[in-house]
Amino acid sequence: LTAVFANLAEAVAEGRGKAQAAALRRTKTTTTARRLTDWRPGATDP
C-alpha cells in the first residue's frame, strides 16, 4: 500500500494535467481549411 500510495500521489497529479489536456483536445477539432493557392500581398480574389 505504501508503494501504491506513492504512485497514487503522482497519478493524481498527472490526472489533473490530463483533465486540462482533455479540455484542450476539445478545441483541436478536425476543420476544413480554405487554402489560397496563389496568394500574394494585395492580390484580389486569389
ModelCIF file with pLDDT and N, C-alpha, C, O atoms, coordinates in Angstrom:
data_MODEL
#
_entry.id   MODEL 
#
_entity.id                         1 
_entity.type                       polymer 
_entity.pdbx_number_of_molecules   1 
#
_entity_poly.entity_id                      1 
_entity_poly.type                           'polypeptide(L)' 
_entity_poly.nstd_linkage                   no 
_entity_poly.nstd_monomer                   no 
_entity_poly.pdbx_seq_one_letter_code       LTAVFANLAEAVAEGRGKAQAAALRRTKTTTTARRLTDWRPGATDP 
_entity_poly.pdbx_seq_one_letter_code_can   LTAVFANLAEAVAEGRGKAQAAALRRTKTTTTARRLTDWRPGATDP 
_entity_poly.pdbx_strand_id                 A 
#
loop_
_entity_poly_seq.entity_id 
_entity_poly_seq.num 
_entity_poly_seq.mon_id 
_entity_poly_seq.hetero 
1 1  LEU n 
1 2  THR n 
1 3  ALA n 
1 4  VAL n 
1 5  PHE n 
1 6  ALA n 
1 7  ASN n 
1 8  LEU n 
1 9  ALA n 
1 10 GLU n 
1 11 ALA n 
1 12 VAL n 
1 13 ALA n 
1 14 GLU n 
1 15 GLY n 
1 16 ARG n 
1 17 GLY n 
1 18 LYS n 
1 19 ALA n 
1 20 GLN n 
1 21 ALA n 
1 22 ALA n 
1 23 ALA n 
1 24 LEU n 
1 25 ARG n 
1 26 ARG n 
1 27 THR n 
1 28 LYS n 
1 29 THR n 
1 30 THR n 
1 31 THR n 
1 32 THR n 
1 33 ALA n 
1 34 ARG n 
1 35 ARG n 
1 36 LEU n 
1 37 THR n 
1 38 ASP n 
1 39 TRP n 
1 40 ARG n 
1 41 PRO n 
1 42 GLY n 
1 43 ALA n 
1 44 THR n 
1 45 ASP n 
1 46 PRO n 
#
_struct_asym.id          A 
_struct_asym.entity_id   1 
#
loop_
_ma_qa_metric.id 
_ma_qa_metric.mode 
_ma_qa_metric.name 
_ma_qa_metric.software_group_id 
_ma_qa_metric.type 
1 global pLDDT . pLDDT 
2 local  pLDDT . pLDDT 
#
_ma_qa_metric_global.metric_id      1 
_ma_qa_metric_global.metric_value   72.30 
_ma_qa_metric_global.model_id       1 
_ma_qa_metric_global.ordinal_id     1 
#
loop_
_ma_qa_metric_local.label_asym_id 
_ma_qa_metric_local.label_comp_id 
_ma_qa_metric_local.label_seq_id 
_ma_qa_metric_local.metric_id 
_ma_qa_metric_local.metric_value 
_ma_qa_metric_local.model_id 
_ma_qa_metric_local.ordinal_id 
A LEU 1  2 90.00 1 1  
A THR 2  2 91.00 1 2  
A ALA 3  2 90.00 1 3  
A VAL 4  2 90.00 1 4  
A PHE 5  2 88.00 1 5  
A ALA 6  2 87.00 1 6  
A ASN 7  2 85.00 1 7  
A LEU 8  2 84.00 1 8  
A ALA 9  2 79.00 1 9  
A GLU 10 2 78.00 1 10 
A ALA 11 2 80.00 1 11 
A VAL 12 2 76.00 1 12 
A ALA 13 2 70.00 1 13 
A GLU 14 2 71.00 1 14 
A GLY 15 2 68.00 1 15 
A ARG 16 2 60.00 1 16 
A GLY 17 2 58.00 1 17 
A LYS 18 2 62.00 1 18 
A ALA 19 2 59.00 1 19 
A GLN 20 2 56.00 1 20 
A ALA 21 2 56.00 1 21 
A ALA 22 2 59.00 1 22 
A ALA 23 2 54.00 1 23 
A LEU 24 2 54.00 1 24 
A ARG 25 2 56.00 1 25 
A ARG 26 2 55.00 1 26 
A THR 27 2 49.00 1 27 
A LYS 28 2 50.00 1 28 
A THR 29 2 49.00 1 29 
A THR 30 2 56.00 1 30 
A THR 31 2 66.00 1 31 
A THR 32 2 77.00 1 32 
A ALA 33 2 82.00 1 33 
A ARG 34 2 86.00 1 34 
A ARG 35 2 87.00 1 35 
A LEU 36 2 88.00 1 36 
A THR 37 2 83.00 1 37 
A ASP 38 2 80.00 1 38 
A TRP 39 2 83.00 1 39 
A ARG 40 2 79.00 1 40 
A PRO 41 2 78.00 1 41 
A GLY 42 2 71.00 1 42 
A ALA 43 2 73.00 1 43 
A THR 44 2 74.00 1 44 
A ASP 45 2 77.00 1 45 
A PRO 46 2 82.00 1 46 
#
loop_
_atom_site.group_PDB 
_atom_site.id 
_atom_site.type_symbol 
_atom_site.label_atom_id 
_atom_site.label_alt_id 
_atom_site.label_comp_id 
_atom_site.label_asym_id 
_atom_site.label_entity_id 
_atom_site.label_seq_id 
_atom_site.pdbx_PDB_ins_code 
_atom_site.Cartn_x 
_atom_site.Cartn_y 
_atom_site.Cartn_z 
_atom_site.occupancy 
_atom_site.B_iso_or_equiv 
_atom_site.pdbx_formal_charge 
_atom_site.auth_seq_id 
_atom_site.auth_comp_id 
_atom_site.auth_asym_id 
_atom_site.auth_atom_id 
_atom_site.pdbx_PDB_model_num 
ATOM 1   N N  . LEU A 1 1  ? 0.828   -1.208 0.000   1.00 90.00 ? 1  LEU A N  1 
ATOM 2   C CA . LEU A 1 1  ? 0.000   0.000  0.000   1.00 90.00 ? 1  LEU A CA 1 
ATOM 3   C C  . LEU A 1 1  ? 0.866   1.263  0.000   1.00 90.00 ? 1  LEU A C  1 
ATOM 4   O O  . LEU A 1 1  ? 0.511   2.266  -0.618  1.00 90.00 ? 1  LEU A O  1 
ATOM 5   N N  . THR A 1 2  ? 1.996   1.204  0.694   1.00 91.00 ? 2  THR A N  1 
ATOM 6   C CA . THR A 1 2  ? 2.908   2.350  0.690   1.00 91.00 ? 2  THR A CA 1 
ATOM 7   C C  . THR A 1 2  ? 3.377   2.651  -0.728  1.00 91.00 ? 2  THR A C  1 
ATOM 8   O O  . THR A 1 2  ? 3.402   3.809  -1.145  1.00 91.00 ? 2  THR A O  1 
ATOM 9   N N  . ALA A 1 3  ? 3.750   1.603  -1.472  1.00 90.00 ? 3  ALA A N  1 
ATOM 10  C CA . ALA A 1 3  ? 4.184   1.790  -2.860  1.00 90.00 ? 3  ALA A CA 1 
ATOM 11  C C  . ALA A 1 3  ? 3.044   2.303  -3.732  1.00 90.00 ? 3  ALA A C  1 
ATOM 12  O O  . ALA A 1 3  ? 3.243   3.183  -4.570  1.00 90.00 ? 3  ALA A O  1 
ATOM 13  N N  . VAL A 1 4  ? 1.849   1.750  -3.533  1.00 90.00 ? 4  VAL A N  1 
ATOM 14  C CA . VAL A 1 4  ? 0.695   2.195  -4.323  1.00 90.00 ? 4  VAL A CA 1 
ATOM 15  C C  . VAL A 1 4  ? 0.345   3.644  -4.001  1.00 90.00 ? 4  VAL A C  1 
ATOM 16  O O  . VAL A 1 4  ? 0.070   4.434  -4.904  1.00 90.00 ? 4  VAL A O  1 
ATOM 17  N N  . PHE A 1 5  ? 0.355   3.995  -2.710  1.00 88.00 ? 5  PHE A N  1 
ATOM 18  C CA . PHE A 1 5  ? 0.020   5.366  -2.321  1.00 88.00 ? 5  PHE A CA 1 
ATOM 19  C C  . PHE A 1 5  ? 1.025   6.368  -2.895  1.00 88.00 ? 5  PHE A C  1 
ATOM 20  O O  . PHE A 1 5  ? 0.659   7.479  -3.279  1.00 88.00 ? 5  PHE A O  1 
ATOM 21  N N  . ALA A 1 6  ? 2.296   5.959  -2.949  1.00 87.00 ? 6  ALA A N  1 
ATOM 22  C CA . ALA A 1 6  ? 3.302   6.836  -3.547  1.00 87.00 ? 6  ALA A CA 1 
ATOM 23  C C  . ALA A 1 6  ? 2.996   7.055  -5.021  1.00 87.00 ? 6  ALA A C  1 
ATOM 24  O O  . ALA A 1 6  ? 3.070   8.181  -5.512  1.00 87.00 ? 6  ALA A O  1 
ATOM 25  N N  . ASN A 1 7  ? 2.653   5.985  -5.725  1.00 85.00 ? 7  ASN A N  1 
ATOM 26  C CA . ASN A 1 7  ? 2.286   6.106  -7.135  1.00 85.00 ? 7  ASN A CA 1 
ATOM 27  C C  . ASN A 1 7  ? 0.979   6.869  -7.306  1.00 85.00 ? 7  ASN A C  1 
ATOM 28  O O  . ASN A 1 7  ? 0.779   7.566  -8.301  1.00 85.00 ? 7  ASN A O  1 
ATOM 29  N N  . LEU A 1 8  ? 0.085   6.729  -6.316  1.00 84.00 ? 8  LEU A N  1 
ATOM 30  C CA . LEU A 1 8  ? -1.200  7.417  -6.394  1.00 84.00 ? 8  LEU A CA 1 
ATOM 31  C C  . LEU A 1 8  ? -1.004  8.932  -6.357  1.00 84.00 ? 8  LEU A C  1 
ATOM 32  O O  . LEU A 1 8  ? -1.702  9.670  -7.052  1.00 84.00 ? 8  LEU A O  1 
ATOM 33  N N  . ALA A 1 9  ? -0.049  9.391  -5.541  1.00 79.00 ? 9  ALA A N  1 
ATOM 34  C CA . ALA A 1 9  ? 0.223   10.829 -5.486  1.00 79.00 ? 9  ALA A CA 1 
ATOM 35  C C  . ALA A 1 9  ? 0.633   11.347 -6.859  1.00 79.00 ? 9  ALA A C  1 
ATOM 36  O O  . ALA A 1 9  ? 0.156   12.392 -7.301  1.00 79.00 ? 9  ALA A O  1 
ATOM 37  N N  . GLU A 1 10 ? 1.518   10.614 -7.532  1.00 78.00 ? 10 GLU A N  1 
ATOM 38  C CA . GLU A 1 10 ? 1.961   11.027 -8.868  1.00 78.00 ? 10 GLU A CA 1 
ATOM 39  C C  . GLU A 1 10 ? 0.826   10.898 -9.876  1.00 78.00 ? 10 GLU A C  1 
ATOM 40  O O  . GLU A 1 10 ? 0.665   11.753 -10.746 1.00 78.00 ? 10 GLU A O  1 
ATOM 41  N N  . ALA A 1 11 ? 0.041   9.830  -9.760  1.00 80.00 ? 11 ALA A N  1 
ATOM 42  C CA . ALA A 1 11 ? -1.047  9.609  -10.710 1.00 80.00 ? 11 ALA A CA 1 
ATOM 43  C C  . ALA A 1 11 ? -2.130  10.681 -10.586 1.00 80.00 ? 11 ALA A C  1 
ATOM 44  O O  . ALA A 1 11 ? -2.690  11.118 -11.592 1.00 80.00 ? 11 ALA A O  1 
ATOM 45  N N  . VAL A 1 12 ? -2.424  11.103 -9.357  1.00 76.00 ? 12 VAL A N  1 
ATOM 46  C CA . VAL A 1 12 ? -3.414  12.166 -9.161  1.00 76.00 ? 12 VAL A CA 1 
ATOM 47  C C  . VAL A 1 12 ? -2.915  13.469 -9.787  1.00 76.00 ? 12 VAL A C  1 
ATOM 48  O O  . VAL A 1 12 ? -3.673  14.184 -10.443 1.00 76.00 ? 12 VAL A O  1 
ATOM 49  N N  . ALA A 1 13 ? -1.629  13.767 -9.574  1.00 70.00 ? 13 ALA A N  1 
ATOM 50  C CA . ALA A 1 13 ? -1.066  14.979 -10.166 1.00 70.00 ? 13 ALA A CA 1 
ATOM 51  C C  . ALA A 1 13 ? -1.131  14.915 -11.685 1.00 70.00 ? 13 ALA A C  1 
ATOM 52  O O  . ALA A 1 13 ? -1.484  15.898 -12.337 1.00 70.00 ? 13 ALA A O  1 
ATOM 53  N N  . GLU A 1 14 ? -0.789  13.749 -12.254 1.00 71.00 ? 14 GLU A N  1 
ATOM 54  C CA . GLU A 1 14 ? -0.859  13.600 -13.702 1.00 71.00 ? 14 GLU A CA 1 
ATOM 55  C C  . GLU A 1 14 ? -2.301  13.638 -14.184 1.00 71.00 ? 14 GLU A C  1 
ATOM 56  O O  . GLU A 1 14 ? -2.589  14.155 -15.264 1.00 71.00 ? 14 GLU A O  1 
ATOM 57  N N  . GLY A 1 15 ? -3.209  13.088 -13.376 1.00 68.00 ? 15 GLY A N  1 
ATOM 58  C CA . GLY A 1 15 ? -4.619  13.085 -13.753 1.00 68.00 ? 15 GLY A CA 1 
ATOM 59  C C  . GLY A 1 15 ? -5.188  14.479 -13.869 1.00 68.00 ? 15 GLY A C  1 
ATOM 60  O O  . GLY A 1 15 ? -6.018  14.736 -14.741 1.00 68.00 ? 15 GLY A O  1 
ATOM 61  N N  . ARG A 1 16 ? -4.751  15.398 -12.996 1.00 60.00 ? 16 ARG A N  1 
ATOM 62  C CA . ARG A 1 16 ? -5.198  16.778 -13.083 1.00 60.00 ? 16 ARG A CA 1 
ATOM 63  C C  . ARG A 1 16 ? -4.688  17.416 -14.368 1.00 60.00 ? 16 ARG A C  1 
ATOM 64  O O  . ARG A 1 16 ? -5.380  18.225 -14.986 1.00 60.00 ? 16 ARG A O  1 
ATOM 65  N N  . GLY A 1 17 ? -3.456  17.041 -14.771 1.00 58.00 ? 17 GLY A N  1 
ATOM 66  C CA . GLY A 1 17 ? -2.940  17.540 -16.039 1.00 58.00 ? 17 GLY A CA 1 
ATOM 67  C C  . GLY A 1 17 ? -3.727  16.975 -17.219 1.00 58.00 ? 17 GLY A C  1 
ATOM 68  O O  . GLY A 1 17 ? -3.984  17.680 -18.194 1.00 58.00 ? 17 GLY A O  1 
ATOM 69  N N  . LYS A 1 18 ? -4.109  15.695 -17.124 1.00 62.00 ? 18 LYS A N  1 
ATOM 70  C CA . LYS A 1 18 ? -4.877  15.083 -18.208 1.00 62.00 ? 18 LYS A CA 1 
ATOM 71  C C  . LYS A 1 18 ? -6.254  15.721 -18.342 1.00 62.00 ? 18 LYS A C  1 
ATOM 72  O O  . LYS A 1 18 ? -6.797  15.802 -19.443 1.00 62.00 ? 18 LYS A O  1 
ATOM 73  N N  . ALA A 1 19 ? -6.822  16.174 -17.223 1.00 59.00 ? 19 ALA A N  1 
ATOM 74  C CA . ALA A 1 19 ? -8.107  16.871 -17.288 1.00 59.00 ? 19 ALA A CA 1 
ATOM 75  C C  . ALA A 1 19 ? -7.965  18.166 -18.079 1.00 59.00 ? 19 ALA A C  1 
ATOM 76  O O  . ALA A 1 19 ? -8.843  18.527 -18.861 1.00 59.00 ? 19 ALA A O  1 
ATOM 77  N N  . GLN A 1 20 ? -6.837  18.868 -17.864 1.00 56.00 ? 20 GLN A N  1 
ATOM 78  C CA . GLN A 1 20 ? -6.575  20.071 -18.650 1.00 56.00 ? 20 GLN A CA 1 
ATOM 79  C C  . GLN A 1 20 ? -6.387  19.697 -20.123 1.00 56.00 ? 20 GLN A C  1 
ATOM 80  O O  . GLN A 1 20 ? -6.906  20.373 -21.010 1.00 56.00 ? 20 GLN A O  1 
ATOM 81  N N  . ALA A 1 21 ? -5.644  18.618 -20.376 1.00 56.00 ? 21 ALA A N  1 
ATOM 82  C CA . ALA A 1 21 ? -5.377  18.215 -21.754 1.00 56.00 ? 21 ALA A CA 1 
ATOM 83  C C  . ALA A 1 21 ? -6.664  17.829 -22.480 1.00 56.00 ? 21 ALA A C  1 
ATOM 84  O O  . ALA A 1 21 ? -6.822  18.117 -23.666 1.00 56.00 ? 21 ALA A O  1 
ATOM 85  N N  . ALA A 1 22 ? -7.585  17.175 -21.766 1.00 59.00 ? 22 ALA A N  1 
ATOM 86  C CA . ALA A 1 22 ? -8.853  16.800 -22.387 1.00 59.00 ? 22 ALA A CA 1 
ATOM 87  C C  . ALA A 1 22 ? -9.627  18.037 -22.827 1.00 59.00 ? 22 ALA A C  1 
ATOM 88  O O  . ALA A 1 22 ? -10.247 18.053 -23.890 1.00 59.00 ? 22 ALA A O  1 
ATOM 89  N N  . ALA A 1 23 ? -9.581  19.074 -21.990 1.00 54.00 ? 23 ALA A N  1 
ATOM 90  C CA . ALA A 1 23 ? -10.256 20.322 -22.361 1.00 54.00 ? 23 ALA A CA 1 
ATOM 91  C C  . ALA A 1 23 ? -9.599  20.939 -23.591 1.00 54.00 ? 23 ALA A C  1 
ATOM 92  O O  . ALA A 1 23 ? -10.283 21.502 -24.446 1.00 54.00 ? 23 ALA A O  1 
ATOM 93  N N  . LEU A 1 24 ? -8.281  20.836 -23.682 1.00 54.00 ? 24 LEU A N  1 
ATOM 94  C CA . LEU A 1 24 ? -7.580  21.390 -24.849 1.00 54.00 ? 24 LEU A CA 1 
ATOM 95  C C  . LEU A 1 24 ? -7.873  20.570 -26.102 1.00 54.00 ? 24 LEU A C  1 
ATOM 96  O O  . LEU A 1 24 ? -8.001  21.129 -27.192 1.00 54.00 ? 24 LEU A O  1 
ATOM 97  N N  . ARG A 1 25 ? -7.980  19.248 -25.956 1.00 56.00 ? 25 ARG A N  1 
ATOM 98  C CA . ARG A 1 25 ? -8.242  18.410 -27.127 1.00 56.00 ? 25 ARG A CA 1 
ATOM 99  C C  . ARG A 1 25 ? -9.588  18.743 -27.756 1.00 56.00 ? 25 ARG A C  1 
ATOM 100 O O  . ARG A 1 25 ? -9.766  18.613 -28.967 1.00 56.00 ? 25 ARG A O  1 
ATOM 101 N N  . ARG A 1 26 ? -10.538 19.176 -26.923 1.00 55.00 ? 26 ARG A N  1 
ATOM 102 C CA . ARG A 1 26 ? -11.846 19.515 -27.471 1.00 55.00 ? 26 ARG A CA 1 
ATOM 103 C C  . ARG A 1 26 ? -11.757 20.690 -28.430 1.00 55.00 ? 26 ARG A C  1 
ATOM 104 O O  . ARG A 1 26 ? -12.613 20.860 -29.298 1.00 55.00 ? 26 ARG A O  1 
ATOM 105 N N  . THR A 1 27 ? -10.693 21.520 -28.266 1.00 49.00 ? 27 THR A N  1 
ATOM 106 C CA . THR A 1 27 ? -10.516 22.646 -29.189 1.00 49.00 ? 27 THR A CA 1 
ATOM 107 C C  . THR A 1 27 ? -9.799  22.225 -30.468 1.00 49.00 ? 27 THR A C  1 
ATOM 108 O O  . THR A 1 27 ? -9.823  22.952 -31.461 1.00 49.00 ? 27 THR A O  1 
ATOM 109 N N  . LYS A 1 28 ? -9.158  21.048 -30.448 1.00 50.00 ? 28 LYS A N  1 
ATOM 110 C CA . LYS A 1 28 ? -8.383  20.603 -31.601 1.00 50.00 ? 28 LYS A CA 1 
ATOM 111 C C  . LYS A 1 28 ? -9.269  19.724 -32.481 1.00 50.00 ? 28 LYS A C  1 
ATOM 112 O O  . LYS A 1 28 ? -8.951  18.557 -32.709 1.00 50.00 ? 28 LYS A O  1 
ATOM 113 N N  . THR A 1 29 ? -10.362 20.265 -32.968 1.00 49.00 ? 29 THR A N  1 
ATOM 114 C CA . THR A 1 29 ? -11.302 19.529 -33.797 1.00 49.00 ? 29 THR A CA 1 
ATOM 115 C C  . THR A 1 29 ? -10.820 19.510 -35.243 1.00 49.00 ? 29 THR A C  1 
ATOM 116 O O  . THR A 1 29 ? -10.017 20.345 -35.658 1.00 49.00 ? 29 THR A O  1 
ATOM 117 N N  . THR A 1 30 ? -11.322 18.549 -35.990 1.00 56.00 ? 30 THR A N  1 
ATOM 118 C CA . THR A 1 30 ? -10.970 18.466 -37.406 1.00 56.00 ? 30 THR A CA 1 
ATOM 119 C C  . THR A 1 30 ? -11.694 19.558 -38.157 1.00 56.00 ? 30 THR A C  1 
ATOM 120 O O  . THR A 1 30 ? -12.923 19.617 -38.139 1.00 56.00 ? 30 THR A O  1 
ATOM 121 N N  . THR A 1 31 ? -10.948 20.422 -38.818 1.00 66.00 ? 31 THR A N  1 
ATOM 122 C CA . THR A 1 31 ? -11.535 21.544 -39.551 1.00 66.00 ? 31 THR A CA 1 
ATOM 123 C C  . THR A 1 31 ? -11.121 21.476 -41.014 1.00 66.00 ? 31 THR A C  1 
ATOM 124 O O  . THR A 1 31 ? -10.132 20.839 -41.376 1.00 66.00 ? 31 THR A O  1 
ATOM 125 N N  . THR A 1 32 ? -11.906 22.148 -41.836 1.00 77.00 ? 32 THR A N  1 
ATOM 126 C CA . THR A 1 32 ? -11.597 22.280 -43.251 1.00 77.00 ? 32 THR A CA 1 
ATOM 127 C C  . THR A 1 32 ? -10.973 23.642 -43.482 1.00 77.00 ? 32 THR A C  1 
ATOM 128 O O  . THR A 1 32 ? -11.526 24.664 -43.074 1.00 77.00 ? 32 THR A O  1 
ATOM 129 N N  . ALA A 1 33 ? -9.842  23.655 -44.125 1.00 82.00 ? 33 ALA A N  1 
ATOM 130 C CA . ALA A 1 33 ? -9.123  24.913 -44.360 1.00 82.00 ? 33 ALA A CA 1 
ATOM 131 C C  . ALA A 1 33 ? -9.336  25.378 -45.793 1.00 82.00 ? 33 ALA A C  1 
ATOM 132 O O  . ALA A 1 33 ? -9.378  24.572 -46.723 1.00 82.00 ? 33 ALA A O  1 
ATOM 133 N N  . ARG A 1 34 ? -9.468  26.684 -45.954 1.00 86.00 ? 34 ARG A N  1 
ATOM 134 C CA . ARG A 1 34 ? -9.580  27.292 -47.289 1.00 86.00 ? 34 ARG A CA 1 
ATOM 135 C C  . ARG A 1 34 ? -8.184  27.791 -47.680 1.00 86.00 ? 34 ARG A C  1 
ATOM 136 O O  . ARG A 1 34 ? -7.823  28.936 -47.408 1.00 86.00 ? 34 ARG A O  1 
ATOM 137 N N  . ARG A 1 35 ? -7.418  26.924 -48.312 1.00 87.00 ? 35 ARG A N  1 
ATOM 138 C CA . ARG A 1 35 ? -6.036  27.260 -48.646 1.00 87.00 ? 35 ARG A CA 1 
ATOM 139 C C  . ARG A 1 35 ? -5.985  28.053 -49.952 1.00 87.00 ? 35 ARG A C  1 
ATOM 140 O O  . ARG A 1 35 ? -6.611  27.687 -50.946 1.00 87.00 ? 35 ARG A O  1 
ATOM 141 N N  . LEU A 1 36 ? -5.219  29.155 -49.922 1.00 88.00 ? 36 LEU A N  1 
ATOM 142 C CA . LEU A 1 36 ? -5.055  30.003 -51.100 1.00 88.00 ? 36 LEU A CA 1 
ATOM 143 C C  . LEU A 1 36 ? -3.860  29.486 -51.905 1.00 88.00 ? 36 LEU A C  1 
ATOM 144 O O  . LEU A 1 36 ? -2.756  29.361 -51.376 1.00 88.00 ? 36 LEU A O  1 
ATOM 145 N N  . THR A 1 37 ? -4.084  29.192 -53.164 1.00 83.00 ? 37 THR A N  1 
ATOM 146 C CA . THR A 1 37 ? -3.034  28.569 -53.971 1.00 83.00 ? 37 THR A CA 1 
ATOM 147 C C  . THR A 1 37 ? -2.103  29.574 -54.630 1.00 83.00 ? 37 THR A C  1 
ATOM 148 O O  . THR A 1 37 ? -0.972  29.230 -54.973 1.00 83.00 ? 37 THR A O  1 
ATOM 149 N N  . ASP A 1 38 ? -2.558  30.812 -54.814 1.00 80.00 ? 38 ASP A N  1 
ATOM 150 C CA . ASP A 1 38 ? -1.713  31.796 -55.492 1.00 80.00 ? 38 ASP A CA 1 
ATOM 151 C C  . ASP A 1 38 ? -1.768  33.158 -54.794 1.00 80.00 ? 38 ASP A C  1 
ATOM 152 O O  . ASP A 1 38 ? -1.851  34.204 -55.437 1.00 80.00 ? 38 ASP A O  1 
ATOM 153 N N  . TRP A 1 39 ? -1.719  33.111 -53.438 1.00 83.00 ? 39 TRP A N  1 
ATOM 154 C CA . TRP A 1 39 ? -1.845  34.379 -52.704 1.00 83.00 ? 39 TRP A CA 1 
ATOM 155 C C  . TRP A 1 39 ? -0.572  35.204 -52.807 1.00 83.00 ? 39 TRP A C  1 
ATOM 156 O O  . TRP A 1 39 ? 0.537   34.681 -52.700 1.00 83.00 ? 39 TRP A O  1 
ATOM 157 N N  . ARG A 1 40 ? -0.748  36.485 -53.015 1.00 79.00 ? 40 ARG A N  1 
ATOM 158 C CA . ARG A 1 40 ? 0.326   37.461 -52.993 1.00 79.00 ? 40 ARG A CA 1 
ATOM 159 C C  . ARG A 1 40 ? -0.188  38.687 -52.257 1.00 79.00 ? 40 ARG A C  1 
ATOM 160 O O  . ARG A 1 40 ? -1.388  38.958 -52.292 1.00 79.00 ? 40 ARG A O  1 
ATOM 161 N N  . PRO A 1 41 ? 0.692   39.442 -51.587 1.00 78.00 ? 41 PRO A N  1 
ATOM 162 C CA . PRO A 1 41 ? 0.222   40.664 -50.904 1.00 78.00 ? 41 PRO A CA 1 
ATOM 163 C C  . PRO A 1 41 ? -0.512  41.582 -51.865 1.00 78.00 ? 41 PRO A C  1 
ATOM 164 O O  . PRO A 1 41 ? 0.003   41.940 -52.924 1.00 78.00 ? 41 PRO A O  1 
ATOM 165 N N  . GLY A 1 42 ? -1.724  41.956 -51.479 1.00 71.00 ? 42 GLY A N  1 
ATOM 166 C CA . GLY A 1 42 ? -2.514  42.862 -52.307 1.00 71.00 ? 42 GLY A CA 1 
ATOM 167 C C  . GLY A 1 42 ? -3.290  42.185 -53.408 1.00 71.00 ? 42 GLY A C  1 
ATOM 168 O O  . GLY A 1 42 ? -4.002  42.853 -54.158 1.00 71.00 ? 42 GLY A O  1 
ATOM 169 N N  . ALA A 1 43 ? -3.172  40.858 -53.528 1.00 73.00 ? 43 ALA A N  1 
ATOM 170 C CA . ALA A 1 43 ? -3.866  40.149 -54.602 1.00 73.00 ? 43 ALA A CA 1 
ATOM 171 C C  . ALA A 1 43 ? -5.376  40.197 -54.376 1.00 73.00 ? 43 ALA A C  1 
ATOM 172 O O  . ALA A 1 43 ? -5.845  40.094 -53.243 1.00 73.00 ? 43 ALA A O  1 
ATOM 173 N N  . THR A 1 44 ? -6.119  40.350 -55.448 1.00 74.00 ? 44 THR A N  1 
ATOM 174 C CA . THR A 1 44 ? -7.575  40.373 -55.354 1.00 74.00 ? 44 THR A CA 1 
ATOM 175 C C  . THR A 1 44 ? -8.133  39.059 -55.869 1.00 74.00 ? 44 THR A C  1 
ATOM 176 O O  . THR A 1 44 ? -7.718  38.568 -56.918 1.00 74.00 ? 44 THR A O  1 
ATOM 177 N N  . ASP A 1 45 ? -9.068  38.494 -55.134 1.00 77.00 ? 45 ASP A N  1 
ATOM 178 C CA . ASP A 1 45 ? -9.750  37.265 -55.493 1.00 77.00 ? 45 ASP A CA 1 
ATOM 179 C C  . ASP A 1 45 ? -8.790  36.135 -55.852 1.00 77.00 ? 45 ASP A C  1 
ATOM 180 O O  . ASP A 1 45 ? -8.844  35.605 -56.962 1.00 77.00 ? 45 ASP A O  1 
ATOM 181 N N  . PRO A 1 46 ? -7.890  35.752 -54.898 1.00 82.00 ? 46 PRO A N  1 
ATOM 182 C CA . PRO A 1 46 ? -6.969  34.648 -55.191 1.00 82.00 ? 46 PRO A CA 1 
ATOM 183 C C  . PRO A 1 46 ? -7.714  33.317 -55.217 1.00 82.00 ? 46 PRO A C  1 
ATOM 184 O O  . PRO A 1 46 ? -7.105  32.273 -55.449 1.00 82.00 ? 46 PRO A O  1 
#
